[in-house]
Amino acid sequence: MKQAFLVFMLMALPVIGCLADDQVMDFSGSWGFRLDPDNAGIAAQWYGSETDQILTLPGCLQEQGYGNVPGPDTVWMNPVVNS
């Protein structure tokens, strides 16, 4: 019985994966943003005001003239693991 259930689940997994494809969101376009290196945006309620900084997606900050180019001294929010 357990083997039959396992076989059924293994056959059902690819079908379940195909059903989720229609839930992809496209974020392409122009987005207003502000860099917040001092973590002051929430206290200053930046979320309630307009910004003139525009980022186009797909793309990254640095190629559009914003932010700093990451390097060996860049502080990351999550640890980087070298494999």
Protein backbone atom coordinates (compact mmCIF):
# COMPACT_ATOMS: atom_id res chain seq x y z
CA MET A 1 0.00 0.00 0.00
CA LYS A 2 2.79 2.41 0.90
CA GLN A 3 4.56 1.65 -2.36
CA ALA A 4 1.41 2.34 -4.40
CA PHE A 5 0.97 5.69 -2.63
CA LEU A 6 4.62 6.58 -3.22
CA VAL A 7 4.35 5.72 -6.93
CA PHE A 8 1.16 7.79 -7.20
CA MET A 9 2.82 10.80 -5.52
CA LEU A 10 5.89 10.56 -7.75
CA MET A 11 3.64 10.55 -10.81
CA ALA A 12 1.51 13.43 -9.50
CA LEU A 13 4.38 15.81 -8.67
CA PRO A 14 5.18 16.81 -12.29
CA VAL A 15 1.49 17.54 -12.89
CA ILE A 16 1.31 19.75 -9.80
CA GLY A 17 4.42 21.62 -10.98
CA CYS A 18 2.81 22.34 -14.35
CA LEU A 19 -0.29 23.77 -12.71
CA ALA A 20 1.72 26.45 -10.88
CA ASP A 21 3.17 28.02 -14.07
CA ASP A 22 0.25 30.43 -14.52
CA GLN A 23 1.04 32.16 -11.21
CA VAL A 24 4.18 33.92 -12.48
CA MET A 25 4.07 37.69 -12.04
CA ASP A 26 5.80 39.97 -14.53
CA PHE A 27 7.47 42.94 -12.82
CA SER A 28 8.88 44.40 -16.05
CA GLY A 29 8.51 48.15 -16.32
CA SER A 30 9.49 51.36 -14.54
CA TRP A 31 9.48 51.45 -10.75
CA GLY A 32 9.96 54.37 -8.38
CA PHE A 33 12.37 53.62 -5.52
CA ARG A 34 14.72 55.14 -2.96
CA LEU A 35 17.93 53.67 -1.66
CA ASP A 36 17.99 53.68 2.15
CA PRO A 37 21.56 53.03 3.35
CA ASP A 38 20.85 54.67 6.73
CA ASN A 39 17.60 52.73 7.30
CA ALA A 40 15.63 55.97 7.76
CA GLY A 41 12.82 55.42 5.25
CA ILE A 42 10.21 53.89 7.55
CA ALA A 43 10.65 56.52 10.29
CA ALA A 44 10.50 59.32 7.69
CA GLN A 45 7.46 57.68 6.04
CA TRP A 46 8.99 57.57 2.57
CA TYR A 47 6.27 55.11 1.59
CA GLY A 48 3.76 57.97 1.55
CA SER A 49 5.61 60.20 -0.92
CA GLU A 50 6.63 60.20 -4.57
CA THR A 51 10.20 59.71 -5.74
CA ASP A 52 12.08 60.83 -8.81
CA GLN A 53 14.39 57.81 -8.81
CA ILE A 54 13.23 55.35 -11.47
CA LEU A 55 14.48 51.80 -11.97
CA THR A 56 13.59 49.84 -15.09
CA LEU A 57 13.09 46.09 -14.78
CA PRO A 58 14.53 43.81 -15.87
CA GLY A 59 17.79 45.41 -14.84
CA CYS A 60 19.92 46.21 -11.83
CA LEU A 61 20.71 49.33 -9.82
CA GLN A 62 24.34 49.66 -10.85
CA GLU A 63 23.78 49.48 -14.60
CA GLN A 64 21.27 52.32 -14.27
CA GLY A 65 23.59 54.60 -12.27
CA TYR A 66 22.38 53.86 -8.73
CA GLY A 67 24.08 52.26 -5.75
CA ASN A 68 27.60 50.96 -5.43
CA VAL A 69 29.28 48.19 -7.37
CA PRO A 70 29.58 45.15 -5.05
CA GLY A 71 33.11 44.21 -4.09
CA PRO A 72 35.06 42.27 -1.47
CA ASP A 73 34.19 44.82 1.25
CA THR A 74 30.46 44.89 0.49
CA VAL A 75 28.31 44.25 3.57
CA TRP A 76 25.64 41.65 2.79
CA MET A 77 22.37 41.07 4.62
CA ASN A 78 22.82 37.30 4.39
CA PRO A 79 26.08 35.43 4.80
CA VAL A 80 27.86 34.48 1.59
CA VAL A 81 29.04 30.89 1.56
CA ASN A 82 31.95 29.99 -0.69
CA SER A 83 31.62 26.49 -2.04
